[in-house]
Amino acid sequence: KLDREGWQAAKISVLGPSLQQPRPWWMRAITVRQLLELYRKEKAWIETVVYNPKLGKKTAATMHDVVEKIIKPLCIQQKCSYSELLPPQLIAAFVSHNWTTEFGKFVRTVLKHALTCFPNDPWSARYWVCSFALYQPEVSLPD
């Protein structure tokens, strides 16, 4: 099993130092296992409740916060979407989400869906999520 750095090194050896051709959208899935790995790695920060001036209340990290702190820097550094740092995976389901939802709640909702709809192997359920599938530095959201 290759980690993110291993996949990136393999991609560079095949494509050169920058992505020559972006991966097709239908091959930009993230699995529940990969989503949980991201969540667990940053759990302390993600679950810390702080005052969010954009929302006018205390909240744990939202999808918007996770994209700004974790996803965008990786996208800029690697010049690709987050999902393109992962092995190519055909999507099985599409996720629409609210950017102001706490990220932990988002992860738990996706996990619940996977357990219900992919009961034989929920950890390998493959989802297209714009936060991970799109090159985030080119995406702008209203305040």
N, C-alpha and C. Protein backbone atom coordinates (compact mmCIF):
# COMPACT_ATOMS: atom_id res chain seq x y z
N LYS A 1 0.85 -1.18 0.00
CA LYS A 1 0.00 0.00 0.00
C LYS A 1 0.89 1.24 0.00
N LEU A 2 0.68 2.11 -0.97
CA LEU A 2 1.45 3.34 -1.05
C LEU A 2 0.76 4.45 -0.28
N ASP A 3 1.54 5.25 0.44
CA ASP A 3 0.98 6.43 1.08
C ASP A 3 0.94 7.57 0.06
N ARG A 4 0.47 8.74 0.48
CA ARG A 4 0.32 9.88 -0.43
C ARG A 4 1.64 10.22 -1.11
N GLU A 5 2.74 10.22 -0.34
CA GLU A 5 4.04 10.56 -0.91
C GLU A 5 4.46 9.52 -1.96
N GLY A 6 4.17 8.26 -1.68
CA GLY A 6 4.50 7.20 -2.64
C GLY A 6 3.73 7.35 -3.94
N TRP A 7 2.44 7.67 -3.83
CA TRP A 7 1.64 7.87 -5.04
C TRP A 7 2.12 9.09 -5.80
N GLN A 8 2.47 10.15 -5.05
CA GLN A 8 2.96 11.35 -5.73
C GLN A 8 4.26 11.06 -6.47
N ALA A 9 5.17 10.31 -5.83
CA ALA A 9 6.44 9.96 -6.48
C ALA A 9 6.18 9.12 -7.72
N ALA A 10 5.24 8.17 -7.63
CA ALA A 10 4.91 7.34 -8.78
C ALA A 10 4.31 8.18 -9.91
N LYS A 11 3.46 9.13 -9.54
CA LYS A 11 2.84 10.00 -10.53
C LYS A 11 3.91 10.85 -11.23
N ILE A 12 4.83 11.38 -10.45
CA ILE A 12 5.90 12.22 -11.02
C ILE A 12 6.77 11.39 -11.96
N SER A 13 7.05 10.14 -11.60
CA SER A 13 7.90 9.30 -12.45
C SER A 13 7.23 9.01 -13.79
N VAL A 14 5.89 8.98 -13.81
CA VAL A 14 5.16 8.72 -15.04
C VAL A 14 4.87 10.00 -15.81
N LEU A 15 4.42 11.04 -15.11
CA LEU A 15 3.96 12.25 -15.78
C LEU A 15 4.97 13.39 -15.80
N GLY A 16 6.03 13.28 -15.04
CA GLY A 16 6.96 14.41 -14.90
C GLY A 16 6.60 15.23 -13.68
N PRO A 17 7.32 16.31 -13.42
CA PRO A 17 7.16 17.06 -12.19
C PRO A 17 5.81 17.76 -12.03
N SER A 18 5.08 18.01 -13.09
CA SER A 18 3.75 18.60 -12.94
C SER A 18 2.75 17.73 -13.70
N LEU A 19 1.51 17.81 -13.27
CA LEU A 19 0.48 17.04 -13.95
C LEU A 19 0.37 17.48 -15.40
N GLN A 20 0.59 16.58 -16.32
CA GLN A 20 0.46 16.91 -17.73
C GLN A 20 -1.02 16.96 -18.11
N GLN A 21 -1.79 16.05 -17.56
CA GLN A 21 -3.20 15.95 -17.88
C GLN A 21 -3.96 15.69 -16.59
N PRO A 22 -4.88 16.58 -16.20
CA PRO A 22 -5.65 16.30 -14.99
C PRO A 22 -6.44 14.99 -15.12
N ARG A 23 -6.63 14.34 -14.02
CA ARG A 23 -7.39 13.09 -14.00
C ARG A 23 -8.85 13.39 -14.33
N PRO A 24 -9.53 12.53 -15.09
CA PRO A 24 -10.95 12.75 -15.39
C PRO A 24 -11.77 12.82 -14.10
N TRP A 25 -12.83 13.62 -14.12
CA TRP A 25 -13.62 13.84 -12.91
C TRP A 25 -14.18 12.54 -12.34
N TRP A 26 -14.51 11.58 -13.18
CA TRP A 26 -15.11 10.33 -12.69
C TRP A 26 -14.09 9.41 -12.01
N MET A 27 -12.82 9.79 -12.06
CA MET A 27 -11.77 9.01 -11.39
C MET A 27 -11.18 9.77 -10.20
N ARG A 28 -11.95 10.72 -9.64
CA ARG A 28 -11.46 11.55 -8.54
C ARG A 28 -12.21 11.27 -7.24
N ALA A 29 -12.43 10.03 -6.94
CA ALA A 29 -13.14 9.66 -5.72
C ALA A 29 -12.20 9.65 -4.52
N ILE A 30 -12.81 9.78 -3.36
CA ILE A 30 -12.12 9.56 -2.09
C ILE A 30 -12.90 8.46 -1.37
N THR A 31 -12.20 7.52 -0.77
CA THR A 31 -12.89 6.44 -0.06
C THR A 31 -13.17 6.88 1.37
N VAL A 32 -14.06 6.17 2.00
CA VAL A 32 -14.37 6.42 3.41
C VAL A 32 -13.10 6.23 4.24
N ARG A 33 -12.33 5.22 3.93
CA ARG A 33 -11.07 4.98 4.66
C ARG A 33 -10.14 6.20 4.55
N GLN A 34 -10.00 6.74 3.35
CA GLN A 34 -9.13 7.90 3.14
C GLN A 34 -9.68 9.14 3.85
N LEU A 35 -10.99 9.30 3.83
CA LEU A 35 -11.62 10.41 4.52
C LEU A 35 -11.39 10.31 6.03
N LEU A 36 -11.53 9.10 6.56
CA LEU A 36 -11.30 8.88 8.00
C LEU A 36 -9.83 9.08 8.36
N GLU A 37 -8.91 8.69 7.48
CA GLU A 37 -7.48 8.92 7.74
C GLU A 37 -7.18 10.41 7.84
N LEU A 38 -7.75 11.20 6.94
CA LEU A 38 -7.58 12.65 6.98
C LEU A 38 -8.16 13.21 8.29
N TYR A 39 -9.36 12.76 8.63
CA TYR A 39 -10.02 13.22 9.85
C TYR A 39 -9.20 12.87 11.10
N ARG A 40 -8.76 11.63 11.19
CA ARG A 40 -7.99 11.19 12.36
C ARG A 40 -6.67 11.93 12.49
N LYS A 41 -6.02 12.20 11.37
CA LYS A 41 -4.73 12.89 11.39
C LYS A 41 -4.88 14.30 11.96
N GLU A 42 -5.99 14.95 11.67
CA GLU A 42 -6.21 16.34 12.09
C GLU A 42 -7.32 16.47 13.13
N LYS A 43 -7.70 15.37 13.78
CA LYS A 43 -8.87 15.36 14.67
C LYS A 43 -8.80 16.41 15.78
N ALA A 44 -7.66 16.56 16.42
CA ALA A 44 -7.56 17.53 17.53
C ALA A 44 -7.92 18.93 17.05
N TRP A 45 -7.39 19.33 15.92
CA TRP A 45 -7.71 20.66 15.38
C TRP A 45 -9.15 20.71 14.87
N ILE A 46 -9.59 19.69 14.15
CA ILE A 46 -10.93 19.67 13.57
C ILE A 46 -12.01 19.77 14.64
N GLU A 47 -11.83 19.10 15.76
CA GLU A 47 -12.86 19.05 16.80
C GLU A 47 -12.76 20.17 17.84
N THR A 48 -11.73 21.02 17.74
CA THR A 48 -11.60 22.14 18.68
C THR A 48 -12.67 23.19 18.36
N VAL A 49 -13.47 23.51 19.36
CA VAL A 49 -14.53 24.49 19.18
C VAL A 49 -13.98 25.88 19.46
N VAL A 50 -14.11 26.75 18.48
CA VAL A 50 -13.66 28.15 18.59
C VAL A 50 -14.73 29.05 18.00
N TYR A 51 -14.62 30.33 18.29
CA TYR A 51 -15.56 31.29 17.71
C TYR A 51 -15.25 31.47 16.23
N ASN A 52 -16.27 31.31 15.40
CA ASN A 52 -16.14 31.48 13.95
C ASN A 52 -16.83 32.79 13.58
N PRO A 53 -16.05 33.83 13.26
CA PRO A 53 -16.66 35.13 12.96
C PRO A 53 -17.57 35.12 11.74
N LYS A 54 -17.29 34.25 10.77
CA LYS A 54 -18.14 34.18 9.57
C LYS A 54 -19.53 33.63 9.91
N LEU A 55 -19.58 32.73 10.90
CA LEU A 55 -20.86 32.14 11.30
C LEU A 55 -21.47 32.85 12.50
N GLY A 56 -20.65 33.64 13.20
CA GLY A 56 -21.14 34.37 14.37
C GLY A 56 -21.44 33.48 15.56
N LYS A 57 -20.73 32.35 15.65
CA LYS A 57 -20.94 31.43 16.78
C LYS A 57 -19.73 30.54 16.95
N LYS A 58 -19.68 29.84 18.09
CA LYS A 58 -18.62 28.86 18.32
C LYS A 58 -18.95 27.58 17.56
N THR A 59 -17.92 27.02 16.94
CA THR A 59 -18.12 25.81 16.16
C THR A 59 -16.78 25.09 15.99
N ALA A 60 -16.84 23.81 15.75
CA ALA A 60 -15.65 23.06 15.37
C ALA A 60 -15.34 23.42 13.91
N ALA A 61 -14.23 22.95 13.39
CA ALA A 61 -13.83 23.27 12.02
C ALA A 61 -14.89 22.83 11.02
N THR A 62 -15.19 23.71 10.09
CA THR A 62 -16.16 23.42 9.03
C THR A 62 -15.42 22.89 7.80
N MET A 63 -16.17 22.48 6.81
CA MET A 63 -15.56 22.05 5.55
C MET A 63 -14.73 23.20 4.98
N HIS A 64 -15.25 24.41 5.06
CA HIS A 64 -14.51 25.57 4.56
C HIS A 64 -13.16 25.70 5.28
N ASP A 65 -13.15 25.52 6.60
CA ASP A 65 -11.90 25.61 7.37
C ASP A 65 -10.91 24.53 6.96
N VAL A 66 -11.39 23.31 6.79
CA VAL A 66 -10.52 22.19 6.41
C VAL A 66 -9.91 22.43 5.03
N VAL A 67 -10.72 22.94 4.11
CA VAL A 67 -10.20 23.22 2.77
C VAL A 67 -9.13 24.30 2.84
N GLU A 68 -9.38 25.36 3.60
CA GLU A 68 -8.41 26.47 3.70
C GLU A 68 -7.11 26.03 4.35
N LYS A 69 -7.20 25.25 5.44
CA LYS A 69 -6.00 24.90 6.23
C LYS A 69 -5.25 23.69 5.67
N ILE A 70 -5.97 22.72 5.13
CA ILE A 70 -5.34 21.45 4.75
C ILE A 70 -5.32 21.24 3.23
N ILE A 71 -6.48 21.34 2.60
CA ILE A 71 -6.62 20.96 1.20
C ILE A 71 -5.95 21.95 0.25
N LYS A 72 -6.26 23.23 0.38
CA LYS A 72 -5.68 24.23 -0.54
C LYS A 72 -4.16 24.23 -0.52
N PRO A 73 -3.52 24.23 0.66
CA PRO A 73 -2.04 24.21 0.63
C PRO A 73 -1.47 23.00 -0.12
N LEU A 74 -2.08 21.84 0.05
CA LEU A 74 -1.61 20.66 -0.68
C LEU A 74 -1.85 20.81 -2.18
N CYS A 75 -3.02 21.35 -2.55
CA CYS A 75 -3.33 21.55 -3.96
C CYS A 75 -2.34 22.51 -4.61
N ILE A 76 -2.04 23.60 -3.92
CA ILE A 76 -1.11 24.59 -4.47
C ILE A 76 0.27 23.97 -4.61
N GLN A 77 0.71 23.27 -3.56
CA GLN A 77 2.04 22.65 -3.58
C GLN A 77 2.17 21.63 -4.69
N GLN A 78 1.16 20.80 -4.88
CA GLN A 78 1.24 19.70 -5.84
C GLN A 78 0.60 20.02 -7.19
N LYS A 79 -0.09 21.15 -7.28
CA LYS A 79 -0.73 21.59 -8.52
C LYS A 79 -1.76 20.58 -9.05
N CYS A 80 -2.55 20.06 -8.11
CA CYS A 80 -3.60 19.13 -8.48
C CYS A 80 -4.65 19.10 -7.38
N SER A 81 -5.76 18.46 -7.63
CA SER A 81 -6.78 18.31 -6.59
C SER A 81 -6.30 17.32 -5.54
N TYR A 82 -6.93 17.37 -4.37
CA TYR A 82 -6.56 16.44 -3.30
C TYR A 82 -6.74 14.99 -3.75
N SER A 83 -7.84 14.72 -4.44
CA SER A 83 -8.10 13.34 -4.86
C SER A 83 -7.05 12.83 -5.84
N GLU A 84 -6.39 13.75 -6.56
CA GLU A 84 -5.34 13.32 -7.49
C GLU A 84 -4.04 12.97 -6.78
N LEU A 85 -3.98 13.23 -5.49
CA LEU A 85 -2.85 12.76 -4.68
C LEU A 85 -3.07 11.32 -4.23
N LEU A 86 -4.28 10.83 -4.45
CA LEU A 86 -4.67 9.47 -4.06
C LEU A 86 -4.70 8.59 -5.31
N PRO A 87 -4.75 7.28 -5.13
CA PRO A 87 -4.86 6.40 -6.30
C PRO A 87 -6.13 6.71 -7.10
N PRO A 88 -6.11 6.56 -8.42
CA PRO A 88 -7.32 6.78 -9.22
C PRO A 88 -8.43 5.83 -8.77
N GLN A 89 -9.62 6.40 -8.58
CA GLN A 89 -10.74 5.59 -8.10
C GLN A 89 -12.03 6.06 -8.77
N LEU A 90 -12.73 5.15 -9.40
CA LEU A 90 -13.99 5.44 -10.05
C LEU A 90 -15.04 5.78 -8.99
N ILE A 91 -15.78 6.86 -9.20
CA ILE A 91 -16.78 7.26 -8.20
C ILE A 91 -17.95 6.28 -8.17
N ALA A 92 -18.51 6.10 -6.98
CA ALA A 92 -19.70 5.27 -6.80
C ALA A 92 -20.89 6.11 -6.34
N ALA A 93 -20.60 7.27 -5.73
CA ALA A 93 -21.66 8.14 -5.22
C ALA A 93 -21.16 9.58 -5.23
N PHE A 94 -22.12 10.50 -5.32
CA PHE A 94 -21.83 11.92 -5.34
C PHE A 94 -22.31 12.52 -4.03
N VAL A 95 -21.50 13.40 -3.43
CA VAL A 95 -21.87 14.04 -2.17
C VAL A 95 -22.05 15.53 -2.39
N SER A 96 -23.20 16.03 -2.01
CA SER A 96 -23.45 17.47 -1.95
C SER A 96 -23.41 17.84 -0.47
N HIS A 97 -22.78 18.96 -0.15
CA HIS A 97 -22.63 19.31 1.27
C HIS A 97 -22.72 20.80 1.48
N ASN A 98 -22.92 21.18 2.72
CA ASN A 98 -22.93 22.58 3.13
C ASN A 98 -21.52 22.91 3.63
N TRP A 99 -20.93 23.96 3.12
CA TRP A 99 -19.57 24.33 3.49
C TRP A 99 -19.46 24.77 4.95
N THR A 100 -20.57 25.14 5.58
CA THR A 100 -20.51 25.60 6.97
C THR A 100 -20.81 24.48 7.98
N THR A 101 -21.07 23.28 7.49
CA THR A 101 -21.25 22.14 8.39
C THR A 101 -19.92 21.76 9.01
N GLU A 102 -19.96 21.41 10.28
CA GLU A 102 -18.73 20.96 10.94
C GLU A 102 -18.20 19.73 10.20
N PHE A 103 -16.89 19.72 9.97
CA PHE A 103 -16.28 18.65 9.19
C PHE A 103 -16.51 17.28 9.84
N GLY A 104 -16.42 17.22 11.16
CA GLY A 104 -16.66 15.95 11.86
C GLY A 104 -18.05 15.41 11.58
N LYS A 105 -19.05 16.28 11.54
CA LYS A 105 -20.42 15.85 11.22
C LYS A 105 -20.51 15.37 9.77
N PHE A 106 -19.80 16.05 8.87
CA PHE A 106 -19.76 15.62 7.48
C PHE A 106 -19.19 14.20 7.38
N VAL A 107 -18.07 13.96 8.04
CA VAL A 107 -17.42 12.65 8.01
C VAL A 107 -18.36 11.58 8.56
N ARG A 108 -19.01 11.87 9.68
CA ARG A 108 -19.93 10.89 10.28
C ARG A 108 -21.13 10.61 9.36
N THR A 109 -21.60 11.62 8.65
CA THR A 109 -22.72 11.44 7.72
C THR A 109 -22.32 10.55 6.54
N VAL A 110 -21.13 10.80 5.99
CA VAL A 110 -20.65 9.97 4.88
C VAL A 110 -20.46 8.52 5.37
N LEU A 111 -19.90 8.36 6.55
CA LEU A 111 -19.71 7.01 7.10
C LEU A 111 -21.04 6.30 7.28
N LYS A 112 -22.03 7.01 7.81
CA LYS A 112 -23.36 6.40 7.99
C LYS A 112 -23.95 5.98 6.65
N HIS A 113 -23.79 6.82 5.62
CA HIS A 113 -24.28 6.47 4.29
C HIS A 113 -23.57 5.22 3.77
N ALA A 114 -22.26 5.18 3.93
CA ALA A 114 -21.48 4.03 3.44
C ALA A 114 -21.89 2.74 4.15
N LEU A 115 -22.10 2.81 5.46
CA LEU A 115 -22.51 1.63 6.22
C LEU A 115 -23.87 1.12 5.76
N THR A 116 -24.74 2.05 5.35
CA THR A 116 -26.08 1.68 4.90
C THR A 116 -26.10 1.21 3.45
N CYS A 117 -25.41 1.95 2.57
CA CYS A 117 -25.51 1.69 1.13
C CYS A 117 -24.43 0.76 0.58
N PHE A 118 -23.33 0.62 1.30
CA PHE A 118 -22.24 -0.26 0.87
C PHE A 118 -21.87 -1.19 2.03
N PRO A 119 -22.83 -1.97 2.55
CA PRO A 119 -22.60 -2.74 3.76
C PRO A 119 -21.51 -3.82 3.65
N ASN A 120 -21.23 -4.31 2.45
CA ASN A 120 -20.21 -5.35 2.31
C ASN A 120 -18.80 -4.82 2.53
N ASP A 121 -18.57 -3.56 2.19
CA ASP A 121 -17.25 -2.95 2.38
C ASP A 121 -17.39 -1.43 2.44
N PRO A 122 -17.95 -0.91 3.53
CA PRO A 122 -18.17 0.54 3.62
C PRO A 122 -16.88 1.35 3.58
N TRP A 123 -15.78 0.80 4.02
CA TRP A 123 -14.50 1.53 4.09
C TRP A 123 -13.95 1.84 2.70
N SER A 124 -14.34 1.04 1.71
CA SER A 124 -13.88 1.25 0.34
C SER A 124 -14.89 2.00 -0.53
N ALA A 125 -16.01 2.41 0.07
CA ALA A 125 -17.01 3.17 -0.69
C ALA A 125 -16.35 4.43 -1.23
N ARG A 126 -16.60 4.72 -2.53
CA ARG A 126 -15.91 5.80 -3.23
C ARG A 126 -16.87 6.95 -3.52
N TYR A 127 -16.50 8.13 -3.03
CA TYR A 127 -17.36 9.31 -3.15
C TYR A 127 -16.68 10.43 -3.92
N TRP A 128 -17.46 11.12 -4.74
CA TRP A 128 -17.01 12.36 -5.36
C TRP A 128 -17.49 13.49 -4.46
N VAL A 129 -16.53 14.24 -3.93
CA VAL A 129 -16.81 15.39 -3.06
C VAL A 129 -16.04 16.56 -3.65
N CYS A 130 -16.74 17.65 -3.96
CA CYS A 130 -16.08 18.77 -4.64
C CYS A 130 -14.85 19.26 -3.87
N SER A 131 -14.90 19.26 -2.56
CA SER A 131 -13.77 19.73 -1.74
C SER A 131 -12.49 18.98 -2.04
N PHE A 132 -12.61 17.73 -2.40
CA PHE A 132 -11.45 16.89 -2.67
C PHE A 132 -11.21 16.69 -4.17
N ALA A 133 -12.26 16.72 -4.97
CA ALA A 133 -12.15 16.39 -6.39
C ALA A 133 -11.76 17.58 -7.27
N LEU A 134 -12.00 18.80 -6.80
CA LEU A 134 -11.68 19.99 -7.59
C LEU A 134 -10.38 20.61 -7.11
N TYR A 135 -9.71 21.28 -8.01
CA TYR A 135 -8.48 22.02 -7.68
C TYR A 135 -8.90 23.26 -6.91
N GLN A 136 -8.81 23.21 -5.59
CA GLN A 136 -9.39 24.23 -4.73
C GLN A 136 -8.83 25.65 -4.90
N PRO A 137 -7.58 25.86 -5.24
CA PRO A 137 -7.13 27.24 -5.43
C PRO A 137 -7.90 27.98 -6.52
N GLU A 138 -8.58 27.26 -7.40
CA GLU A 138 -9.37 27.90 -8.46
C GLU A 138 -10.85 28.03 -8.08
N VAL A 139 -11.20 27.58 -6.88
CA VAL A 139 -12.58 27.66 -6.42
C VAL A 139 -12.67 28.80 -5.41
N SER A 140 -13.62 29.69 -5.62
CA SER A 140 -13.82 30.77 -4.64
C SER A 140 -15.25 30.71 -4.13
N LEU A 141 -15.37 30.90 -2.83
CA LEU A 141 -16.67 30.88 -2.19
C LEU A 141 -17.02 32.25 -1.65
N PRO A 142 -18.29 32.61 -1.65
CA PRO A 142 -18.65 33.89 -1.04
C PRO A 142 -18.44 33.83 0.46
N ASP A 143 -18.17 34.98 1.06
CA ASP A 143 -18.00 35.04 2.52
C ASP A 143 -19.31 34.81 3.23
